[in-house]
Amino acid sequence: MGILDSLENSPEFKSALGQLGSAVLPAVLSELFGNGGQGGLTAIVAKLQQAGLGDQVKSWIGSGANLPITADQLHQVLGNDTVRQLAAKYNIPVDQISEILAKQIPTAVDHASPDGKLPHTA
């Protein structure tokens, strides 16, 4: 089962789907977590850690509650160009895509690391 498969069953994902539509959010997440310009989930996790969000990332990988990140924090980590490109490509307002992704990335990392480690292929 892939990261996106496990996310589709989470309440957070279903809530986000209600806002963006069932076809758009999986495509956005797939592009972001795939091995495209951002380098995949592992690369995004590394960027978040380098940006001073290591405590949040640890909470997602470990057991227990996931600490949140804000849309602004995520926007800074991904970069303005990346966020604008994703928003334009999928016709989603920039502030909305940042907010949704800020909620989905912790869930994605949590689902990708059930044994407390990210898979090497993430």
PDB file of N, CA and C in Angstrom:
ATOM      1  N   MET A   1       0.851  -1.175   0.000  1.00  0.00           N
ATOM      2  CA  MET A   1       0.000   0.000   0.000  1.00  0.00           C
ATOM      3  C   MET A   1       0.895   1.236   0.000  1.00  0.00           C
ATOM      4  N   GLY A   2       0.627   2.191  -0.873  1.00  0.00           N
ATOM      5  CA  GLY A   2       1.416   3.406  -0.970  1.00  0.00           C
ATOM      6  C   GLY A   2       0.955   4.462   0.010  1.00  0.00           C
ATOM      7  N   ILE A   3       1.723   5.537   0.067  1.00  0.00           N
ATOM      8  CA  ILE A   3       1.394   6.646   0.962  1.00  0.00           C
ATOM      9  C   ILE A   3       0.010   7.194   0.644  1.00  0.00           C
ATOM     10  N   LEU A   4      -0.249   7.426  -0.629  1.00  0.00           N
ATOM     11  CA  LEU A   4      -1.535   8.015  -1.002  1.00  0.00           C
ATOM     12  C   LEU A   4      -2.690   7.076  -0.732  1.00  0.00           C
ATOM     13  N   ASP A   5      -2.465   5.773  -0.884  1.00  0.00           N
ATOM     14  CA  ASP A   5      -3.524   4.812  -0.589  1.00  0.00           C
ATOM     15  C   ASP A   5      -3.952   4.886   0.868  1.00  0.00           C
ATOM     16  N   SER A   6      -2.979   4.946   1.769  1.00  0.00           N
ATOM     17  CA  SER A   6      -3.317   4.991   3.191  1.00  0.00           C
ATOM     18  C   SER A   6      -3.923   6.332   3.580  1.00  0.00           C
ATOM     19  N   LEU A   7      -3.507   7.399   2.916  1.00  0.00           N
ATOM     20  CA  LEU A   7      -4.063   8.715   3.226  1.00  0.00           C
ATOM     21  C   LEU A   7      -5.529   8.827   2.831  1.00  0.00           C
ATOM     22  N   GLU A   8      -5.907   8.167   1.751  1.00  0.00           N
ATOM     23  CA  GLU A   8      -7.280   8.298   1.262  1.00  0.00           C
ATOM     24  C   GLU A   8      -8.314   7.849   2.282  1.00  0.00           C
ATOM     25  N   ASN A   9      -7.912   7.026   3.239  1.00  0.00           N
ATOM     26  CA  ASN A   9      -8.845   6.557   4.254  1.00  0.00           C
ATOM     27  C   ASN A   9      -8.847   7.399   5.516  1.00  0.00           C
ATOM     28  N   SER A  10      -7.958   8.390   5.611  1.00  0.00           N
ATOM     29  CA  SER A  10      -7.878   9.197   6.825  1.00  0.00           C
ATOM     30  C   SER A  10      -8.959  10.277   6.833  1.00  0.00           C
ATOM     31  N   PRO A  11      -9.458  10.623   8.017  1.00  0.00           N
ATOM     32  CA  PRO A  11     -10.490  11.663   8.110  1.00  0.00           C
ATOM     33  C   PRO A  11     -10.004  13.011   7.586  1.00  0.00           C
ATOM     34  N   GLU A  12      -8.720  13.332   7.815  1.00  0.00           N
ATOM     35  CA  GLU A  12      -8.179  14.601   7.359  1.00  0.00           C
ATOM     36  C   GLU A  12      -8.219  14.677   5.836  1.00  0.00           C
ATOM     37  N   PHE A  13      -7.885  13.568   5.191  1.00  0.00           N
ATOM     38  CA  PHE A  13      -7.876  13.513   3.735  1.00  0.00           C
ATOM     39  C   PHE A  13      -9.291  13.693   3.206  1.00  0.00           C
ATOM     40  N   LYS A  14     -10.240  13.007   3.815  1.00  0.00           N
ATOM     41  CA  LYS A  14     -11.621  13.105   3.354  1.00  0.00           C
ATOM     42  C   LYS A  14     -12.148  14.518   3.533  1.00  0.00           C
ATOM     43  N   SER A  15     -11.758  15.185   4.607  1.00  0.00           N
ATOM     44  CA  SER A  15     -12.160  16.568   4.826  1.00  0.00           C
ATOM     45  C   SER A  15     -11.567  17.473   3.748  1.00  0.00           C
ATOM     46  N   ALA A  16     -10.294  17.265   3.442  1.00  0.00           N
ATOM     47  CA  ALA A  16      -9.649  18.061   2.407  1.00  0.00           C
ATOM     48  C   ALA A  16     -10.272  17.768   1.044  1.00  0.00           C
ATOM     49  N   LEU A  17     -10.648  16.521   0.812  1.00  0.00           N
ATOM     50  CA  LEU A  17     -11.279  16.165  -0.454  1.00  0.00           C
ATOM     51  C   LEU A  17     -12.582  16.924  -0.636  1.00  0.00           C
ATOM     52  N   GLY A  18     -13.287  17.124   0.452  1.00  0.00           N
ATOM     53  CA  GLY A  18     -14.532  17.867   0.358  1.00  0.00           C
ATOM     54  C   GLY A  18     -14.298  19.280  -0.114  1.00  0.00           C
ATOM     55  N   GLN A  19     -13.143  19.850   0.204  1.00  0.00           N
ATOM     56  CA  GLN A  19     -12.836  21.219  -0.194  1.00  0.00           C
ATOM     57  C   GLN A  19     -12.271  21.299  -1.604  1.00  0.00           C
ATOM     58  N   LEU A  20     -11.460  20.341  -1.996  1.00  0.00           N
ATOM     59  CA  LEU A  20     -10.766  20.439  -3.274  1.00  0.00           C
ATOM     60  C   LEU A  20     -11.294  19.526  -4.367  1.00  0.00           C
ATOM     61  N   GLY A  21     -12.072  18.540  -4.007  1.00  0.00           N
ATOM     62  CA  GLY A  21     -12.556  17.609  -5.014  1.00  0.00           C
ATOM     63  C   GLY A  21     -11.689  16.367  -5.056  1.00  0.00           C
ATOM     64  N   SER A  22     -12.317  15.253  -5.309  1.00  0.00           N
ATOM     65  CA  SER A  22     -11.630  13.970  -5.200  1.00  0.00           C
ATOM     66  C   SER A  22     -10.523  13.773  -6.221  1.00  0.00           C
ATOM     67  N   ALA A  23     -10.540  14.474  -7.337  1.00  0.00           N
ATOM     68  CA  ALA A  23      -9.502  14.270  -8.352  1.00  0.00           C
ATOM     69  C   ALA A  23      -8.286  15.156  -8.140  1.00  0.00           C
ATOM     70  N   VAL A  24      -8.453  16.307  -7.528  1.00  0.00           N
ATOM     71  CA  VAL A  24      -7.374  17.291  -7.466  1.00  0.00           C
ATOM     72  C   VAL A  24      -6.363  17.017  -6.353  1.00  0.00           C
ATOM     73  N   LEU A  25      -6.818  16.792  -5.134  1.00  0.00           N
ATOM     74  CA  LEU A  25      -5.889  16.637  -4.018  1.00  0.00           C
ATOM     75  C   LEU A  25      -4.943  15.458  -4.192  1.00  0.00           C
ATOM     76  N   PRO A  26      -5.403  14.283  -4.610  1.00  0.00           N
ATOM     77  CA  PRO A  26      -4.445  13.194  -4.827  1.00  0.00           C
ATOM     78  C   PRO A  26      -3.379  13.552  -5.868  1.00  0.00           C
ATOM     79  N   ALA A  27      -3.760  14.289  -6.889  1.00  0.00           N
ATOM     80  CA  ALA A  27      -2.787  14.693  -7.907  1.00  0.00           C
ATOM     81  C   ALA A  27      -1.758  15.659  -7.338  1.00  0.00           C
ATOM     82  N   VAL A  28      -2.206  16.596  -6.513  1.00  0.00           N
ATOM     83  CA  VAL A  28      -1.289  17.550  -5.889  1.00  0.00           C
ATOM     84  C   VAL A  28      -0.317  16.815  -4.975  1.00  0.00           C
ATOM     85  N   LEU A  29      -0.845  15.922  -4.136  1.00  0.00           N
ATOM     86  CA  LEU A  29       0.012  15.175  -3.219  1.00  0.00           C
ATOM     87  C   LEU A  29       0.979  14.267  -3.975  1.00  0.00           C
ATOM     88  N   SER A  30       0.495  13.647  -5.015  1.00  0.00           N
ATOM     89  CA  SER A  30       1.352  12.776  -5.810  1.00  0.00           C
ATOM     90  C   SER A  30       2.499  13.566  -6.437  1.00  0.00           C
ATOM     91  N   GLU A  31       2.195  14.735  -6.947  1.00  0.00           N
ATOM     92  CA  GLU A  31       3.245  15.569  -7.540  1.00  0.00           C
ATOM     93  C   GLU A  31       4.233  16.027  -6.481  1.00  0.00           C
ATOM     94  N   LEU A  32       3.744  16.405  -5.335  1.00  0.00           N
ATOM     95  CA  LEU A  32       4.612  16.890  -4.270  1.00  0.00           C
ATOM     96  C   LEU A  32       5.461  15.770  -3.679  1.00  0.00           C
ATOM     97  N   PHE A  33       4.871  14.594  -3.461  1.00  0.00           N
ATOM     98  CA  PHE A  33       5.587  13.491  -2.827  1.00  0.00           C
ATOM     99  C   PHE A  33       6.334  12.612  -3.810  1.00  0.00           C
ATOM    100  N   GLY A  34       6.020  12.763  -5.079  1.00  0.00           N
ATOM    101  CA  GLY A  34       6.719  11.987  -6.095  1.00  0.00           C
ATOM    102  C   GLY A  34       8.158  12.467  -6.219  1.00  0.00           C
ATOM    103  N   ASN A  35       8.886  11.891  -7.112  1.00  0.00           N
ATOM    104  CA  ASN A  35      10.286  12.264  -7.270  1.00  0.00           C
ATOM    105  C   ASN A  35      10.473  13.399  -8.265  1.00  0.00           C
ATOM    106  N   GLY A  36       9.518  14.307  -8.288  1.00  0.00           N
ATOM    107  CA  GLY A  36       9.610  15.466  -9.172  1.00  0.00           C
ATOM    108  C   GLY A  36      10.534  16.517  -8.597  1.00  0.00           C
ATOM    109  N   GLY A  37      10.200  17.753  -8.768  1.00  0.00           N
ATOM    110  CA  GLY A  37      11.045  18.870  -8.374  1.00  0.00           C
ATOM    111  C   GLY A  37      11.357  18.947  -6.894  1.00  0.00           C
ATOM    112  N   GLN A  38      10.508  18.395  -6.039  1.00  0.00           N
ATOM    113  CA  GLN A  38      10.743  18.477  -4.593  1.00  0.00           C
ATOM    114  C   GLN A  38      11.566  17.308  -4.071  1.00  0.00           C
ATOM    115  N   GLY A  39      11.779  16.273  -4.865  1.00  0.00           N
ATOM    116  CA  GLY A  39      12.637  15.167  -4.455  1.00  0.00           C
ATOM    117  C   GLY A  39      11.950  14.076  -3.658  1.00  0.00           C
ATOM    118  N   GLY A  40      10.640  14.125  -3.513  1.00  0.00           N
ATOM    119  CA  GLY A  40       9.920  13.093  -2.790  1.00  0.00           C
ATOM    120  C   GLY A  40       9.734  13.424  -1.319  1.00  0.00           C
ATOM    121  N   LEU A  41       9.053  12.541  -0.639  1.00  0.00           N
ATOM    122  CA  LEU A  41       8.702  12.750   0.764  1.00  0.00           C
ATOM    123  C   LEU A  41       9.932  12.890   1.649  1.00  0.00           C
ATOM    124  N   THR A  42      10.944  12.068   1.419  1.00  0.00           N
ATOM    125  CA  THR A  42      12.157  12.139   2.238  1.00  0.00           C
ATOM    126  C   THR A  42      12.823  13.501   2.105  1.00  0.00           C
ATOM    127  N   ALA A  43      12.871  14.034   0.893  1.00  0.00           N
ATOM    128  CA  ALA A  43      13.482  15.345   0.673  1.00  0.00           C
ATOM    129  C   ALA A  43      12.676  16.454   1.350  1.00  0.00           C
ATOM    130  N   ILE A  44      11.350  16.345   1.302  1.00  0.00           N
ATOM    131  CA  ILE A  44      10.516  17.349   1.960  1.00  0.00           C
ATOM    132  C   ILE A  44      10.717  17.295   3.471  1.00  0.00           C
ATOM    133  N   VAL A  45      10.801  16.089   4.026  1.00  0.00           N
ATOM    134  CA  VAL A  45      11.063  15.934   5.458  1.00  0.00           C
ATOM    135  C   VAL A  45      12.401  16.580   5.815  1.00  0.00           C
ATOM    136  N   ALA A  46      13.420  16.353   5.007  1.00  0.00           N
ATOM    137  CA  ALA A  46      14.740  16.946   5.259  1.00  0.00           C
ATOM    138  C   ALA A  46      14.664  18.475   5.221  1.00  0.00           C
ATOM    139  N   LYS A  47      13.923  19.022   4.271  1.00  0.00           N
ATOM    140  CA  LYS A  47      13.771  20.479   4.177  1.00  0.00           C
ATOM    141  C   LYS A  47      13.072  21.031   5.416  1.00  0.00           C
ATOM    142  N   LEU A  48      12.049  20.321   5.879  1.00  0.00           N
ATOM    143  CA  LEU A  48      11.334  20.752   7.078  1.00  0.00           C
ATOM    144  C   LEU A  48      12.259  20.740   8.299  1.00  0.00           C
ATOM    145  N   GLN A  49      13.076  19.698   8.418  1.00  0.00           N
ATOM    146  CA  GLN A  49      14.015  19.613   9.532  1.00  0.00           C
ATOM    147  C   GLN A  49      15.038  20.747   9.464  1.00  0.00           C
ATOM    148  N   GLN A  50      15.555  21.015   8.278  1.00  0.00           N
ATOM    149  CA  GLN A  50      16.538  22.082   8.107  1.00  0.00           C
ATOM    150  C   GLN A  50      15.946  23.456   8.402  1.00  0.00           C
ATOM    151  N   ALA A  51      14.646  23.595   8.246  1.00  0.00           N
ATOM    152  CA  ALA A  51      13.969  24.860   8.494  1.00  0.00           C
ATOM    153  C   ALA A  51      13.602  25.045   9.969  1.00  0.00           C
ATOM    154  N   GLY A  52      14.074  24.135  10.826  1.00  0.00           N
ATOM    155  CA  GLY A  52      13.805  24.266  12.253  1.00  0.00           C
ATOM    156  C   GLY A  52      12.531  23.595  12.722  1.00  0.00           C
ATOM    157  N   LEU A  53      11.975  22.731  11.904  1.00  0.00           N
ATOM    158  CA  LEU A  53      10.733  22.046  12.268  1.00  0.00           C
ATOM    159  C   LEU A  53      10.983  20.589  12.646  1.00  0.00           C
ATOM    160  N   GLY A  54      12.158  20.313  13.175  1.00  0.00           N
ATOM    161  CA  GLY A  54      12.543  18.952  13.539  1.00  0.00           C
ATOM    162  C   GLY A  54      11.640  18.321  14.585  1.00  0.00           C
ATOM    163  N   ASP A  55      11.192  19.102  15.557  1.00  0.00           N
ATOM    164  CA  ASP A  55      10.306  18.550  16.591  1.00  0.00           C
ATOM    165  C   ASP A  55       8.987  18.077  15.982  1.00  0.00           C
ATOM    166  N   GLN A  56       8.459  18.874  15.062  1.00  0.00           N
ATOM    167  CA  GLN A  56       7.223  18.479  14.397  1.00  0.00           C
ATOM    168  C   GLN A  56       7.445  17.192  13.602  1.00  0.00           C
ATOM    169  N   VAL A  57       8.527  17.145  12.834  1.00  0.00           N
ATOM    170  CA  VAL A  57       8.804  15.966  12.009  1.00  0.00           C
ATOM    171  C   VAL A  57       8.969  14.729  12.882  1.00  0.00           C
ATOM    172  N   LYS A  58       9.682  14.862  14.005  1.00  0.00           N
ATOM    173  CA  LYS A  58       9.849  13.724  14.922  1.00  0.00           C
ATOM    174  C   LYS A  58       8.503  13.210  15.402  1.00  0.00           C
ATOM    175  N   SER A  59       7.587  14.127  15.681  1.00  0.00           N
ATOM    176  CA  SER A  59       6.267  13.703  16.173  1.00  0.00           C
ATOM    177  C   SER A  59       5.497  12.931  15.100  1.00  0.00           C
ATOM    178  N   TRP A  60       5.721  13.244  13.838  1.00  0.00           N
ATOM    179  CA  TRP A  60       5.015  12.546  12.763  1.00  0.00           C
ATOM    180  C   TRP A  60       5.584  11.153  12.558  1.00  0.00           C
ATOM    181  N   ILE A  61       6.897  11.021  12.711  1.00  0.00           N
ATOM    182  CA  ILE A  61       7.556   9.738  12.488  1.00  0.00           C
ATOM    183  C   ILE A  61       7.380   8.825  13.701  1.00  0.00           C
ATOM    184  N   GLY A  62       7.401   9.396  14.880  1.00  0.00           N
ATOM    185  CA  GLY A  62       7.251   8.608  16.095  1.00  0.00           C
ATOM    186  C   GLY A  62       5.789   8.310  16.397  1.00  0.00           C
ATOM    187  N   SER A  63       5.608   7.604  17.502  1.00  0.00           N
ATOM    188  CA  SER A  63       4.230   7.324  17.915  1.00  0.00           C
ATOM    189  C   SER A  63       3.720   8.517  18.721  1.00  0.00           C
ATOM    190  N   GLY A  64       2.448   8.605  18.850  1.00  0.00           N
ATOM    191  CA  GLY A  64       1.858   9.711  19.585  1.00  0.00           C
ATOM    192  C   GLY A  64       1.245  10.735  18.642  1.00  0.00           C
ATOM    193  N   ALA A  65       0.838  11.851  19.223  1.00  0.00           N
ATOM    194  CA  ALA A  65       0.157  12.891  18.461  1.00  0.00           C
ATOM    195  C   ALA A  65       1.111  13.602  17.512  1.00  0.00           C
ATOM    196  N   ASN A  66       0.591  13.979  16.366  1.00  0.00           N
ATOM    197  CA  ASN A  66       1.363  14.736  15.387  1.00  0.00           C
ATOM    198  C   ASN A  66       1.280  16.227  15.705  1.00  0.00           C
ATOM    199  N   LEU A  67       2.435  16.864  15.845  1.00  0.00           N
ATOM    200  CA  LEU A  67       2.453  18.304  16.022  1.00  0.00           C
ATOM    201  C   LEU A  67       2.147  18.968  14.682  1.00  0.00           C
ATOM    202  N   PRO A  68       1.407  20.066  14.707  1.00  0.00           N
ATOM    203  CA  PRO A  68       1.035  20.726  13.452  1.00  0.00           C
ATOM    204  C   PRO A  68       2.140  21.626  12.903  1.00  0.00           C
ATOM    205  N   ILE A  69       2.016  21.938  11.620  1.00  0.00           N
ATOM    206  CA  ILE A  69       2.787  23.016  11.010  1.00  0.00           C
ATOM    207  C   ILE A  69       1.771  23.968  10.403  1.00  0.00           C
ATOM    208  N   THR A  70       2.187  25.206  10.222  1.00  0.00           N
ATOM    209  CA  THR A  70       1.272  26.185   9.645  1.00  0.00           C
ATOM    210  C   THR A  70       1.458  26.261   8.137  1.00  0.00           C
ATOM    211  N   ALA A  71       0.476  26.821   7.492  1.00  0.00           N
ATOM    212  CA  ALA A  71       0.564  27.030   6.049  1.00  0.00           C
ATOM    213  C   ALA A  71       1.752  27.933   5.720  1.00  0.00           C
ATOM    214  N   ASP A  72       1.993  28.941   6.558  1.00  0.00           N
ATOM    215  CA  ASP A  72       3.127  29.842   6.325  1.00  0.00           C
ATOM    216  C   ASP A  72       4.459  29.112   6.447  1.00  0.00           C
ATOM    217  N   GLN A  73       4.586  28.242   7.450  1.00  0.00           N
ATOM    218  CA  GLN A  73       5.828  27.471   7.600  1.00  0.00           C
ATOM    219  C   GLN A  73       6.053  26.592   6.374  1.00  0.00           C
ATOM    220  N   LEU A  74       5.019  25.923   5.929  1.00  0.00           N
ATOM    221  CA  LEU A  74       5.148  25.057   4.767  1.00  0.00           C
ATOM    222  C   LEU A  74       5.481  25.865   3.516  1.00  0.00           C
ATOM    223  N   HIS A  75       4.826  26.992   3.370  1.00  0.00           N
ATOM    224  CA  HIS A  75       5.062  27.869   2.230  1.00  0.00           C
ATOM    225  C   HIS A  75       6.538  28.290   2.181  1.00  0.00           C
ATOM    226  N   GLN A  76       7.099  28.624   3.334  1.00  0.00           N
ATOM    227  CA  GLN A  76       8.513  29.015   3.395  1.00  0.00           C
ATOM    228  C   GLN A  76       9.424  27.857   3.028  1.00  0.00           C
ATOM    229  N   VAL A  77       9.105  26.659   3.477  1.00  0.00           N
ATOM    230  CA  VAL A  77       9.945  25.489   3.203  1.00  0.00           C
ATOM    231  C   VAL A  77       9.881  25.104   1.729  1.00  0.00           C
ATOM    232  N   LEU A  78       8.694  25.058   1.164  1.00  0.00           N
ATOM    233  CA  LEU A  78       8.542  24.662  -0.234  1.00  0.00           C
ATOM    234  C   LEU A  78       9.015  25.750  -1.192  1.00  0.00           C
ATOM    235  N   GLY A  79       8.873  26.981  -0.755  1.00  0.00           N
ATOM    236  CA  GLY A  79       9.257  28.102  -1.602  1.00  0.00           C
ATOM    237  C   GLY A  79       8.061  28.664  -2.347  1.00  0.00           C
ATOM    238  N   ASN A  80       8.094  29.950  -2.546  1.00  0.00           N
ATOM    239  CA  ASN A  80       6.997  30.657  -3.189  1.00  0.00           C
ATOM    240  C   ASN A  80       6.736  30.133  -4.596  1.00  0.00           C
ATOM    241  N   ASP A  81       7.799  29.874  -5.351  1.00  0.00           N
ATOM    242  CA  ASP A  81       7.623  29.400  -6.729  1.00  0.00           C
ATOM    243  C   ASP A  81       6.892  28.065  -6.787  1.00  0.00           C
ATOM    244  N   THR A  82       7.298  27.124  -5.937  1.00  0.00           N
ATOM    245  CA  THR A  82       6.674  25.803  -5.934  1.00  0.00           C
ATOM    246  C   THR A  82       5.199  25.900  -5.566  1.00  0.00           C
ATOM    247  N   VAL A  83       4.893  26.656  -4.530  1.00  0.00           N
ATOM    248  CA  VAL A  83       3.499  26.785  -4.091  1.00  0.00           C
ATOM    249  C   VAL A  83       2.660  27.446  -5.180  1.00  0.00           C
ATOM    250  N   ARG A  84       3.199  28.489  -5.784  1.00  0.00           N
ATOM    251  CA  ARG A  84       2.456  29.176  -6.858  1.00  0.00           C
ATOM    252  C   ARG A  84       2.257  28.265  -8.065  1.00  0.00           C
ATOM    253  N   GLN A  85       3.280  27.486  -8.410  1.00  0.00           N
ATOM    254  CA  GLN A  85       3.157  26.570  -9.550  1.00  0.00           C
ATOM    255  C   GLN A  85       2.095  25.507  -9.300  1.00  0.00           C
ATOM    256  N   LEU A  86       2.106  24.924  -8.094  1.00  0.00           N
ATOM    257  CA  LEU A  86       1.082  23.922  -7.762  1.00  0.00           C
ATOM    258  C   LEU A  86      -0.309  24.547  -7.792  1.00  0.00           C
ATOM    259  N   ALA A  87      -0.432  25.739  -7.207  1.00  0.00           N
ATOM    260  CA  ALA A  87      -1.730  26.415  -7.174  1.00  0.00           C
ATOM    261  C   ALA A  87      -2.227  26.715  -8.584  1.00  0.00           C
ATOM    262  N   ALA A  88      -1.337  27.203  -9.433  1.00  0.00           N
ATOM    263  CA  ALA A  88      -1.728  27.542 -10.798  1.00  0.00           C
ATOM    264  C   ALA A  88      -2.078  26.285 -11.601  1.00  0.00           C
ATOM    265  N   LYS A  89      -1.258  25.250 -11.454  1.00  0.00           N
ATOM    266  CA  LYS A  89      -1.478  24.021 -12.217  1.00  0.00           C
ATOM    267  C   LYS A  89      -2.831  23.393 -11.899  1.00  0.00           C
ATOM    268  N   TYR A  90      -3.236  23.456 -10.626  1.00  0.00           N
ATOM    269  CA  TYR A  90      -4.474  22.804 -10.203  1.00  0.00           C
ATOM    270  C   TYR A  90      -5.614  23.795  -9.947  1.00  0.00           C
ATOM    271  N   ASN A  91      -5.369  25.069 -10.283  1.00  0.00           N
ATOM    272  CA  ASN A  91      -6.393  26.105 -10.162  1.00  0.00           C
ATOM    273  C   ASN A  91      -6.960  26.193  -8.741  1.00  0.00           C
ATOM    274  N   ILE A  92      -6.046  26.247  -7.777  1.00  0.00           N
ATOM    275  CA  ILE A  92      -6.405  26.344  -6.360  1.00  0.00           C
ATOM    276  C   ILE A  92      -5.755  27.614  -5.819  1.00  0.00           C
ATOM    277  N   PRO A  93      -6.455  28.405  -5.020  1.00  0.00           N
ATOM    278  CA  PRO A  93      -5.834  29.595  -4.439  1.00  0.00           C
ATOM    279  C   PRO A  93      -4.584  29.222  -3.622  1.00  0.00           C
ATOM    280  N   VAL A  94      -3.554  30.052  -3.704  1.00  0.00           N
ATOM    281  CA  VAL A  94      -2.277  29.778  -3.046  1.00  0.00           C
ATOM    282  C   VAL A  94      -2.468  29.547  -1.552  1.00  0.00           C
ATOM    283  N   ASP A  95      -3.248  30.392  -0.893  1.00  0.00           N
ATOM    284  CA  ASP A  95      -3.430  30.231   0.551  1.00  0.00           C
ATOM    285  C   ASP A  95      -4.159  28.930   0.878  1.00  0.00           C
ATOM    286  N   GLN A  96      -5.061  28.507   0.024  1.00  0.00           N
ATOM    287  CA  GLN A  96      -5.798  27.267   0.282  1.00  0.00           C
ATOM    288  C   GLN A  96      -4.899  26.042   0.093  1.00  0.00           C
ATOM    289  N   ILE A  97      -4.083  26.030  -0.950  1.00  0.00           N
ATOM    290  CA  ILE A  97      -3.223  24.870  -1.177  1.00  0.00           C
ATOM    291  C   ILE A  97      -2.196  24.740  -0.061  1.00  0.00           C
ATOM    292  N   SER A  98      -1.664  25.849   0.428  1.00  0.00           N
ATOM    293  CA  SER A  98      -0.704  25.806   1.538  1.00  0.00           C
ATOM    294  C   SER A  98      -1.359  25.265   2.798  1.00  0.00           C
ATOM    295  N   GLU A  99      -2.584  25.694   3.056  1.00  0.00           N
ATOM    296  CA  GLU A  99      -3.317  25.245   4.249  1.00  0.00           C
ATOM    297  C   GLU A  99      -3.604  23.748   4.187  1.00  0.00           C
ATOM    298  N   ILE A 100      -4.085  23.270   3.048  1.00  0.00           N
ATOM    299  CA  ILE A 100      -4.399  21.852   2.899  1.00  0.00           C
ATOM    300  C   ILE A 100      -3.139  21.010   3.020  1.00  0.00           C
ATOM    301  N   LEU A 101      -2.057  21.422   2.341  1.00  0.00           N
ATOM    302  CA  LEU A 101      -0.819  20.650   2.398  1.00  0.00           C
ATOM    303  C   LEU A 101      -0.211  20.654   3.801  1.00  0.00           C
ATOM    304  N   ALA A 102      -0.366  21.743   4.520  1.00  0.00           N
ATOM    305  CA  ALA A 102       0.143  21.801   5.895  1.00  0.00           C
ATOM    306  C   ALA A 102      -0.580  20.777   6.779  1.00  0.00           C
ATOM    307  N   LYS A 103      -1.813  20.464   6.448  1.00  0.00           N
ATOM    308  CA  LYS A 103      -2.556  19.453   7.193  1.00  0.00           C
ATOM    309  C   LYS A 103      -2.233  18.049   6.695  1.00  0.00           C
ATOM    310  N   GLN A 104      -1.957  17.906   5.402  1.00  0.00           N
ATOM    311  CA  GLN A 104      -1.749  16.586   4.812  1.00  0.00           C
ATOM    312  C   GLN A 104      -0.335  16.044   4.982  1.00  0.00           C
ATOM    313  N   ILE A 105       0.663  16.896   4.985  1.00  0.00           N
ATOM    314  CA  ILE A 105       2.045  16.410   5.086  1.00  0.00           C
ATOM    315  C   ILE A 105       2.297  15.673   6.398  1.00  0.00           C
ATOM    316  N   PRO A 106       1.860  16.196   7.560  1.00  0.00           N
ATOM    317  CA  PRO A 106       2.052  15.410   8.790  1.00  0.00           C
ATOM    318  C   PRO A 106       1.392  14.031   8.717  1.00  0.00           C
ATOM    319  N   THR A 107       0.200  13.970   8.150  1.00  0.00           N
ATOM    320  CA  THR A 107      -0.499  12.692   8.011  1.00  0.00           C
ATOM    321  C   THR A 107       0.258  11.764   7.074  1.00  0.00           C
ATOM    322  N   ALA A 108       0.759  12.313   5.973  1.00  0.00           N
ATOM    323  CA  ALA A 108       1.504  11.498   5.002  1.00  0.00           C
ATOM    324  C   ALA A 108       2.772  10.921   5.617  1.00  0.00           C
ATOM    325  N   VAL A 109       3.506  11.742   6.354  1.00  0.00           N
ATOM    326  CA  VAL A 109       4.733  11.266   7.000  1.00  0.00           C
ATOM    327  C   VAL A 109       4.388  10.214   8.047  1.00  0.00           C
ATOM    328  N   ASP A 110       3.335  10.453   8.808  1.00  0.00           N
ATOM    329  CA  ASP A 110       2.896   9.507   9.826  1.00  0.00           C
ATOM    330  C   ASP A 110       2.545   8.157   9.199  1.00  0.00           C
ATOM    331  N   HIS A 111       1.800   8.183   8.113  1.00  0.00           N
ATOM    332  CA  HIS A 111       1.400   6.947   7.437  1.00  0.00           C
ATOM    333  C   HIS A 111       2.578   6.254   6.766  1.00  0.00           C
ATOM    334  N   ALA A 112       3.562   7.024   6.339  1.00  0.00           N
ATOM    335  CA  ALA A 112       4.722   6.446   5.646  1.00  0.00           C
ATOM    336  C   ALA A 112       5.739   5.860   6.614  1.00  0.00           C
ATOM    337  N   SER A 113       5.559   6.116   7.908  1.00  0.00           N
ATOM    338  CA  SER A 113       6.542   5.659   8.895  1.00  0.00           C
ATOM    339  C   SER A 113       5.895   4.907  10.050  1.00  0.00           C
ATOM    340  N   PRO A 114       5.147   3.840   9.767  1.00  0.00           N
ATOM    341  CA  PRO A 114       4.460   3.129  10.844  1.00  0.00           C
ATOM    342  C   PRO A 114       5.411   2.472  11.838  1.00  0.00           C
ATOM    343  N   ASP A 115       6.633   2.180  11.414  1.00  0.00           N
ATOM    344  CA  ASP A 115       7.604   1.562  12.323  1.00  0.00           C
ATOM    345  C   ASP A 115       8.606   2.567  12.883  1.00  0.00           C
ATOM    346  N   GLY A 116       8.283   3.861  12.759  1.00  0.00           N
ATOM    347  CA  GLY A 116       9.157   4.887  13.308  1.00  0.00           C
ATOM    348  C   GLY A 116      10.291   5.301  12.403  1.00  0.00           C
ATOM    349  N   LYS A 117      10.275   4.862  11.145  1.00  0.00           N
ATOM    350  CA  LYS A 117      11.291   5.233  10.166  1.00  0.00           C
ATOM    351  C   LYS A 117      10.625   5.476   8.824  1.00  0.00           C
ATOM    352  N   LEU A 118      11.141   6.471   8.095  1.00  0.00           N
ATOM    353  CA  LEU A 118      10.658   6.663   6.733  1.00  0.00           C
ATOM    354  C   LEU A 118      11.270   5.609   5.841  1.00  0.00           C
ATOM    355  N   PRO A 119      10.502   5.063   4.929  1.00  0.00           N
ATOM    356  CA  PRO A 119      11.088   4.102   3.993  1.00  0.00           C
ATOM    357  C   PRO A 119      12.094   4.808   3.091  1.00  0.00           C
ATOM    358  N   HIS A 120      13.095   4.073   2.636  1.00  0.00           N
ATOM    359  CA  HIS A 120      14.131   4.675   1.792  1.00  0.00           C
ATOM    360  C   HIS A 120      13.584   5.143   0.469  1.00  0.00           C
ATOM    361  N   THR A 121      12.461   4.606   0.042  1.00  0.00           N
ATOM    362  CA  THR A 121      11.893   4.972  -1.248  1.00  0.00           C
ATOM    363  C   THR A 121      10.883   6.097  -1.152  1.00  0.00           C
ATOM    364  N   ALA A 122      10.641   6.608   0.046  1.00  0.00           N
ATOM    365  CA  ALA A 122       9.632   7.679   0.202  1.00  0.00           C
ATOM    366  C   ALA A 122      10.128   8.978  -0.357  1.00  0.00           C
TER     367      ALA A 122
END
